[in-house]
Amino acid sequence: KQNISAIAKFLNRHRSTILREIKRFKTIDEYSAYK
């Protein structure tokens, strides 16, 4: 998926925050849909 690169950049900026979100959302796909 092309969104992976964008997500990777976002992960680098807000890694700790993303970890919390990933715990909420079982999959990256759900997170992408949420975003």
PDB file of N, CA and C in Angstrom:
ATOM      1  N   LYS A   1       0.836  -1.202   0.000  1.00  0.00           N
ATOM      2  CA  LYS A   1       0.000   0.000   0.000  1.00  0.00           C
ATOM      3  C   LYS A   1       0.871   1.252   0.000  1.00  0.00           C
ATOM      4  N   GLN A   2       0.493   2.251  -0.742  1.00  0.00           N
ATOM      5  CA  GLN A   2       1.290   3.469  -0.852  1.00  0.00           C
ATOM      6  C   GLN A   2       1.299   4.263   0.446  1.00  0.00           C
ATOM      7  N   ASN A   3       0.296   4.038   1.275  1.00  0.00           N
ATOM      8  CA  ASN A   3       0.200   4.801   2.521  1.00  0.00           C
ATOM      9  C   ASN A   3       1.283   4.424   3.521  1.00  0.00           C
ATOM     10  N   ILE A   4       1.947   3.296   3.297  1.00  0.00           N
ATOM     11  CA  ILE A   4       2.958   2.823   4.255  1.00  0.00           C
ATOM     12  C   ILE A   4       4.055   3.860   4.437  1.00  0.00           C
ATOM     13  N   SER A   5       4.515   4.477   3.346  1.00  0.00           N
ATOM     14  CA  SER A   5       5.591   5.467   3.446  1.00  0.00           C
ATOM     15  C   SER A   5       5.156   6.663   4.272  1.00  0.00           C
ATOM     16  N   ALA A   6       3.927   7.109   4.059  1.00  0.00           N
ATOM     17  CA  ALA A   6       3.406   8.242   4.829  1.00  0.00           C
ATOM     18  C   ALA A   6       3.267   7.864   6.297  1.00  0.00           C
ATOM     19  N   ILE A   7       2.799   6.652   6.548  1.00  0.00           N
ATOM     20  CA  ILE A   7       2.647   6.181   7.924  1.00  0.00           C
ATOM     21  C   ILE A   7       4.013   6.088   8.596  1.00  0.00           C
ATOM     22  N   ALA A   8       5.020   5.631   7.848  1.00  0.00           N
ATOM     23  CA  ALA A   8       6.368   5.502   8.402  1.00  0.00           C
ATOM     24  C   ALA A   8       6.892   6.853   8.861  1.00  0.00           C
ATOM     25  N   LYS A   9       6.690   7.888   8.047  1.00  0.00           N
ATOM     26  CA  LYS A   9       7.117   9.236   8.428  1.00  0.00           C
ATOM     27  C   LYS A   9       6.369   9.695   9.670  1.00  0.00           C
ATOM     28  N   PHE A  10       5.076   9.413   9.708  1.00  0.00           N
ATOM     29  CA  PHE A  10       4.266   9.812  10.860  1.00  0.00           C
ATOM     30  C   PHE A  10       4.717   9.059  12.102  1.00  0.00           C
ATOM     31  N   LEU A  11       5.075   7.783  11.919  1.00  0.00           N
ATOM     32  CA  LEU A  11       5.564   6.985  13.050  1.00  0.00           C
ATOM     33  C   LEU A  11       6.821   7.600  13.633  1.00  0.00           C
ATOM     34  N   ASN A  12       7.715   8.048  12.764  1.00  0.00           N
ATOM     35  CA  ASN A  12       8.966   8.638  13.237  1.00  0.00           C
ATOM     36  C   ASN A  12       8.708   9.893  14.056  1.00  0.00           C
ATOM     37  N   ARG A  13       7.693  10.650  13.683  1.00  0.00           N
ATOM     38  CA  ARG A  13       7.398  11.903  14.388  1.00  0.00           C
ATOM     39  C   ARG A  13       6.696  11.644  15.709  1.00  0.00           C
ATOM     40  N   HIS A  14       5.759  10.719  15.692  1.00  0.00           N
ATOM     41  CA  HIS A  14       4.928  10.494  16.885  1.00  0.00           C
ATOM     42  C   HIS A  14       4.917   9.010  17.242  1.00  0.00           C
ATOM     43  N   ARG A  15       6.102   8.459  17.482  1.00  0.00           N
ATOM     44  CA  ARG A  15       6.203   7.021  17.720  1.00  0.00           C
ATOM     45  C   ARG A  15       5.431   6.610  18.968  1.00  0.00           C
ATOM     46  N   SER A  16       5.659   7.298  20.078  1.00  0.00           N
ATOM     47  CA  SER A  16       5.002   6.930  21.339  1.00  0.00           C
ATOM     48  C   SER A  16       3.488   7.049  21.231  1.00  0.00           C
ATOM     49  N   THR A  17       3.034   8.114  20.550  1.00  0.00           N
ATOM     50  CA  THR A  17       1.592   8.313  20.389  1.00  0.00           C
ATOM     51  C   THR A  17       0.999   7.211  19.515  1.00  0.00           C
ATOM     52  N   ILE A  18       1.704   6.855  18.462  1.00  0.00           N
ATOM     53  CA  ILE A  18       1.215   5.815  17.554  1.00  0.00           C
ATOM     54  C   ILE A  18       1.103   4.479  18.275  1.00  0.00           C
ATOM     55  N   LEU A  19       2.065   4.196  19.159  1.00  0.00           N
ATOM     56  CA  LEU A  19       1.998   2.936  19.901  1.00  0.00           C
ATOM     57  C   LEU A  19       0.707   2.855  20.693  1.00  0.00           C
ATOM     58  N   ARG A  20       0.285   3.980  21.261  1.00  0.00           N
ATOM     59  CA  ARG A  20      -0.982   3.997  22.000  1.00  0.00           C
ATOM     60  C   ARG A  20      -2.146   3.736  21.056  1.00  0.00           C
ATOM     61  N   GLU A  21      -2.096   4.370  19.883  1.00  0.00           N
ATOM     62  CA  GLU A  21      -3.182   4.211  18.911  1.00  0.00           C
ATOM     63  C   GLU A  21      -3.255   2.775  18.407  1.00  0.00           C
ATOM     64  N   ILE A  22      -2.090   2.190  18.151  1.00  0.00           N
ATOM     65  CA  ILE A  22      -2.065   0.812  17.652  1.00  0.00           C
ATOM     66  C   ILE A  22      -2.654  -0.137  18.683  1.00  0.00           C
ATOM     67  N   LYS A  23      -2.448   0.160  19.950  1.00  0.00           N
ATOM     68  CA  LYS A  23      -3.053  -0.671  20.990  1.00  0.00           C
ATOM     69  C   LYS A  23      -4.572  -0.568  20.916  1.00  0.00           C
ATOM     70  N   ARG A  24      -5.067   0.616  20.555  1.00  0.00           N
ATOM     71  CA  ARG A  24      -6.519   0.795  20.411  1.00  0.00           C
ATOM     72  C   ARG A  24      -7.016   0.077  19.162  1.00  0.00           C
ATOM     73  N   PHE A  25      -6.286   0.260  18.066  1.00  0.00           N
ATOM     74  CA  PHE A  25      -6.708  -0.322  16.794  1.00  0.00           C
ATOM     75  C   PHE A  25      -5.900  -1.583  16.516  1.00  0.00           C
ATOM     76  N   LYS A  26      -6.585  -2.678  16.349  1.00  0.00           N
ATOM     77  CA  LYS A  26      -5.919  -3.977  16.235  1.00  0.00           C
ATOM     78  C   LYS A  26      -5.025  -4.066  15.006  1.00  0.00           C
ATOM     79  N   THR A  27      -5.361  -3.325  13.948  1.00  0.00           N
ATOM     80  CA  THR A  27      -4.570  -3.424  12.732  1.00  0.00           C
ATOM     81  C   THR A  27      -4.246  -2.045  12.187  1.00  0.00           C
ATOM     82  N   ILE A  28      -3.179  -1.967  11.405  1.00  0.00           N
ATOM     83  CA  ILE A  28      -2.795  -0.697  10.779  1.00  0.00           C
ATOM     84  C   ILE A  28      -3.899  -0.231   9.835  1.00  0.00           C
ATOM     85  N   ASP A  29      -4.557  -1.174   9.182  1.00  0.00           N
ATOM     86  CA  ASP A  29      -5.632  -0.827   8.251  1.00  0.00           C
ATOM     87  C   ASP A  29      -6.735  -0.075   8.969  1.00  0.00           C
ATOM     88  N   GLU A  30      -7.079  -0.506  10.175  1.00  0.00           N
ATOM     89  CA  GLU A  30      -8.115   0.190  10.932  1.00  0.00           C
ATOM     90  C   GLU A  30      -7.632   1.580  11.299  1.00  0.00           C
ATOM     91  N   TYR A  31      -6.335   1.695  11.616  1.00  0.00           N
ATOM     92  CA  TYR A  31      -5.784   3.001  11.967  1.00  0.00           C
ATOM     93  C   TYR A  31      -5.835   3.943  10.768  1.00  0.00           C
ATOM     94  N   SER A  32      -5.484   3.417   9.599  1.00  0.00           N
ATOM     95  CA  SER A  32      -5.523   4.243   8.390  1.00  0.00           C
ATOM     96  C   SER A  32      -6.941   4.721   8.115  1.00  0.00           C
ATOM     97  N   ALA A  33      -7.899   3.843   8.306  1.00  0.00           N
ATOM     98  CA  ALA A  33      -9.296   4.209   8.087  1.00  0.00           C
ATOM     99  C   ALA A  33      -9.722   5.268   9.097  1.00  0.00           C
ATOM    100  N   TYR A  34      -9.222   5.125  10.326  1.00  0.00           N
ATOM    101  CA  TYR A  34      -9.562   6.094  11.368  1.00  0.00           C
ATOM    102  C   TYR A  34      -8.972   7.451  11.032  1.00  0.00           C
ATOM    103  N   LYS A  35      -7.744   7.449  10.543  1.00  0.00           N
ATOM    104  CA  LYS A  35      -7.081   8.703  10.188  1.00  0.00           C
ATOM    105  C   LYS A  35      -7.736   9.273   8.941  1.00  0.00           C
TER     106      LYS A  35
END
